[in-house]
């Protein structure tokens, strides 16, 4: 093991965005099925479409919850690593404090 952790923050952000798209699609599935059923001229087929959509609702709701949780986790990972990256850049680029530190006997402004 190399002891390094590499995260493509942009890719994690894209995953979060793609998961949000999946959630929106799942949420609109019932409306899509209803529209489709209304466009089917054969009553039995239209009823079967509505029946399937109704049975799928419980599973779809569960999927929406699970995909939403994944989306939020991916978003949190991207935000956390962005913040850590910013803090590391700041720590590496800021001017070092005097060896004594503030208030430790070093030169003081008057």
C-alpha atoms as a PDB file:
ATOM      1  CA  UNK A   1       0.000   0.000   0.000  1.00  0.00           C
ATOM      2  CA  UNK A   2       1.351   3.411  -0.896  1.00  0.00           C
ATOM      3  CA  UNK A   3      -0.213   5.301   2.004  1.00  0.00           C
ATOM      4  CA  UNK A   4      -1.874   7.769  -0.342  1.00  0.00           C
ATOM      5  CA  UNK A   5      -5.503   8.568  -0.808  1.00  0.00           C
ATOM      6  CA  UNK A   6      -6.492   9.958  -4.168  1.00  0.00           C
ATOM      7  CA  UNK A   7      -9.941  11.402  -4.691  1.00  0.00           C
ATOM      8  CA  UNK A   8     -11.166  12.934  -7.936  1.00  0.00           C
ATOM      9  CA  UNK A   9     -13.351  15.588  -6.321  1.00  0.00           C
ATOM     10  CA  UNK A  10     -14.877  16.605  -9.658  1.00  0.00           C
ATOM     11  CA  UNK A  11     -15.852  12.999 -10.380  1.00  0.00           C
ATOM     12  CA  UNK A  12     -17.441  12.604  -6.948  1.00  0.00           C
ATOM     13  CA  UNK A  13     -19.386  15.810  -7.652  1.00  0.00           C
ATOM     14  CA  UNK A  14     -20.541  14.371 -10.988  1.00  0.00           C
ATOM     15  CA  UNK A  15     -21.679  11.209  -9.211  1.00  0.00           C
ATOM     16  CA  UNK A  16     -23.778  13.335  -6.856  1.00  0.00           C
ATOM     17  CA  UNK A  17     -25.279  15.217  -9.819  1.00  0.00           C
ATOM     18  CA  UNK A  18     -26.023  11.987 -11.696  1.00  0.00           C
ATOM     19  CA  UNK A  19     -27.676  10.483  -8.624  1.00  0.00           C
ATOM     20  CA  UNK A  20     -29.853  13.600  -8.337  1.00  0.00           C
ATOM     21  CA  UNK A  21     -30.924  13.043 -11.949  1.00  0.00           C
ATOM     22  CA  UNK A  22     -31.809   9.429 -11.143  1.00  0.00           C
ATOM     23  CA  UNK A  23     -33.919  10.590  -8.189  1.00  0.00           C
ATOM     24  CA  UNK A  24     -35.809  13.059 -10.405  1.00  0.00           C
ATOM     25  CA  UNK A  25     -36.446  10.319 -12.978  1.00  0.00           C
ATOM     26  CA  UNK A  26     -37.705   7.926 -10.321  1.00  0.00           C
ATOM     27  CA  UNK A  27     -39.953  10.629  -8.883  1.00  0.00           C
ATOM     28  CA  UNK A  28     -41.490  11.308 -12.291  1.00  0.00           C
ATOM     29  CA  UNK A  29     -42.004   7.603 -13.094  1.00  0.00           C
ATOM     30  CA  UNK A  30     -45.592   7.536 -11.805  1.00  0.00           C
ATOM     31  CA  UNK A  31     -46.588  10.535 -13.917  1.00  0.00           C
ATOM     32  CA  UNK A  32     -44.898   8.945 -16.933  1.00  0.00           C
ATOM     33  CA  UNK A  33     -46.789   5.668 -16.405  1.00  0.00           C
ATOM     34  CA  UNK A  34     -50.088   7.509 -16.031  1.00  0.00           C
ATOM     35  CA  UNK A  35     -49.464   9.462 -19.220  1.00  0.00           C
ATOM     36  CA  UNK A  36     -48.548   6.260 -21.024  1.00  0.00           C
ATOM     37  CA  UNK A  37     -51.649   4.459 -19.737  1.00  0.00           C
ATOM     38  CA  UNK A  38     -53.819   7.332 -20.970  1.00  0.00           C
ATOM     39  CA  UNK A  39     -52.311   7.034 -24.436  1.00  0.00           C
ATOM     40  CA  UNK A  40     -52.971   3.288 -24.752  1.00  0.00           C
ATOM     41  CA  UNK A  41     -56.262   2.645 -26.563  1.00  0.00           C
ATOM     42  CA  UNK A  42     -56.582  -0.971 -25.372  1.00  0.00           C
ATOM     43  CA  UNK A  43     -58.288  -0.874 -21.981  1.00  0.00           C
ATOM     44  CA  UNK A  44     -56.721  -4.078 -20.659  1.00  0.00           C
ATOM     45  CA  UNK A  45     -53.231  -2.908 -21.580  1.00  0.00           C
ATOM     46  CA  UNK A  46     -53.832   0.549 -20.107  1.00  0.00           C
ATOM     47  CA  UNK A  47     -55.087  -1.055 -16.877  1.00  0.00           C
ATOM     48  CA  UNK A  48     -52.072  -3.379 -16.754  1.00  0.00           C
ATOM     49  CA  UNK A  49     -49.792  -0.351 -17.139  1.00  0.00           C
ATOM     50  CA  UNK A  50     -51.524   1.431 -14.245  1.00  0.00           C
ATOM     51  CA  UNK A  51     -51.446  -1.746 -12.149  1.00  0.00           C
ATOM     52  CA  UNK A  52     -47.714  -2.197 -12.715  1.00  0.00           C
ATOM     53  CA  UNK A  53     -47.041   1.452 -11.872  1.00  0.00           C
ATOM     54  CA  UNK A  54     -49.020   1.128  -8.639  1.00  0.00           C
ATOM     55  CA  UNK A  55     -47.134  -1.981  -7.524  1.00  0.00           C
ATOM     56  CA  UNK A  56     -43.850  -0.386  -8.436  1.00  0.00           C
ATOM     57  CA  UNK A  57     -44.560   2.648  -6.201  1.00  0.00           C
ATOM     58  CA  UNK A  58     -43.322   1.037  -2.968  1.00  0.00           C
ATOM     59  CA  UNK A  59     -40.086  -0.177  -4.535  1.00  0.00           C
ATOM     60  CA  UNK A  60     -39.611   3.132  -6.311  1.00  0.00           C
ATOM     61  CA  UNK A  61     -40.020   5.067  -3.037  1.00  0.00           C
ATOM     62  CA  UNK A  62     -37.428   2.817  -1.406  1.00  0.00           C
ATOM     63  CA  UNK A  63     -35.049   3.362  -4.319  1.00  0.00           C
ATOM     64  CA  UNK A  64     -35.599   7.124  -4.125  1.00  0.00           C
ATOM     65  CA  UNK A  65     -34.670   7.095  -0.428  1.00  0.00           C
ATOM     66  CA  UNK A  66     -31.565   4.982  -0.999  1.00  0.00           C
ATOM     67  CA  UNK A  67     -30.347   6.906  -4.046  1.00  0.00           C
ATOM     68  CA  UNK A  68     -31.011  10.212  -2.249  1.00  0.00           C
ATOM     69  CA  UNK A  69     -28.855   9.006   0.667  1.00  0.00           C
ATOM     70  CA  UNK A  70     -26.055   8.053  -1.751  1.00  0.00           C
ATOM     71  CA  UNK A  71     -26.332  11.425  -3.480  1.00  0.00           C
ATOM     72  CA  UNK A  72     -26.060  13.262  -0.168  1.00  0.00           C
ATOM     73  CA  UNK A  73     -23.074  11.137   0.878  1.00  0.00           C
ATOM     74  CA  UNK A  74     -21.279  11.786  -2.423  1.00  0.00           C
ATOM     75  CA  UNK A  75     -21.973  15.505  -2.047  1.00  0.00           C
ATOM     76  CA  UNK A  76     -20.656  15.465   1.545  1.00  0.00           C
ATOM     77  CA  UNK A  77     -17.492  13.626   0.457  1.00  0.00           C
ATOM     78  CA  UNK A  78     -16.849  16.175  -2.311  1.00  0.00           C
ATOM     79  CA  UNK A  79     -17.411  19.094   0.081  1.00  0.00           C
ATOM     80  CA  UNK A  80     -15.237  17.576   2.833  1.00  0.00           C
ATOM     81  CA  UNK A  81     -12.328  16.876   0.512  1.00  0.00           C
ATOM     82  CA  UNK A  82     -12.633  20.311  -1.085  1.00  0.00           C
ATOM     83  CA  UNK A  83     -12.449  21.887   2.374  1.00  0.00           C
ATOM     84  CA  UNK A  84      -9.503  19.697   3.422  1.00  0.00           C
ATOM     85  CA  UNK A  85      -7.718  20.511   0.168  1.00  0.00           C
ATOM     86  CA  UNK A  86      -8.245  24.249   0.761  1.00  0.00           C
ATOM     87  CA  UNK A  87      -6.955  23.967   4.318  1.00  0.00           C
ATOM     88  CA  UNK A  88      -3.859  22.066   3.162  1.00  0.00           C
ATOM     89  CA  UNK A  89      -3.137  24.631   0.445  1.00  0.00           C
ATOM     90  CA  UNK A  90      -3.547  27.416   3.013  1.00  0.00           C
ATOM     91  CA  UNK A  91      -1.238  25.678   5.483  1.00  0.00           C
ATOM     92  CA  UNK A  92       1.416  25.105   2.822  1.00  0.00           C
ATOM     93  CA  UNK A  93       1.317  28.631   1.368  1.00  0.00           C
ATOM     94  CA  UNK A  94       0.906  30.816   4.473  1.00  0.00           C
ATOM     95  CA  UNK A  95       3.965  32.547   5.886  1.00  0.00           C
ATOM     96  CA  UNK A  96       5.445  30.698   8.836  1.00  0.00           C
ATOM     97  CA  UNK A  97       5.122  32.277  12.275  1.00  0.00           C
ATOM     98  CA  UNK A  98       8.287  33.296  14.120  1.00  0.00           C
ATOM     99  CA  UNK A  99       9.933  30.441  16.024  1.00  0.00           C
ATOM    100  CA  UNK A 100       8.692  31.791  19.344  1.00  0.00           C
ATOM    101  CA  UNK A 101       5.145  32.104  18.050  1.00  0.00           C
ATOM    102  CA  UNK A 102       2.833  34.994  18.852  1.00  0.00           C
ATOM    103  CA  UNK A 103       3.386  36.452  22.316  1.00  0.00           C
ATOM    104  CA  UNK A 104       6.461  34.274  22.984  1.00  0.00           C
ATOM    105  CA  UNK A 105       9.152  36.899  23.335  1.00  0.00           C
ATOM    106  CA  UNK A 106       9.582  37.574  19.619  1.00  0.00           C
ATOM    107  CA  UNK A 107       9.497  41.061  18.106  1.00  0.00           C
ATOM    108  CA  UNK A 108       6.282  42.879  18.795  1.00  0.00           C
ATOM    109  CA  UNK A 109       4.662  45.772  16.965  1.00  0.00           C
ATOM    110  CA  UNK A 110       4.152  48.845  19.099  1.00  0.00           C
END
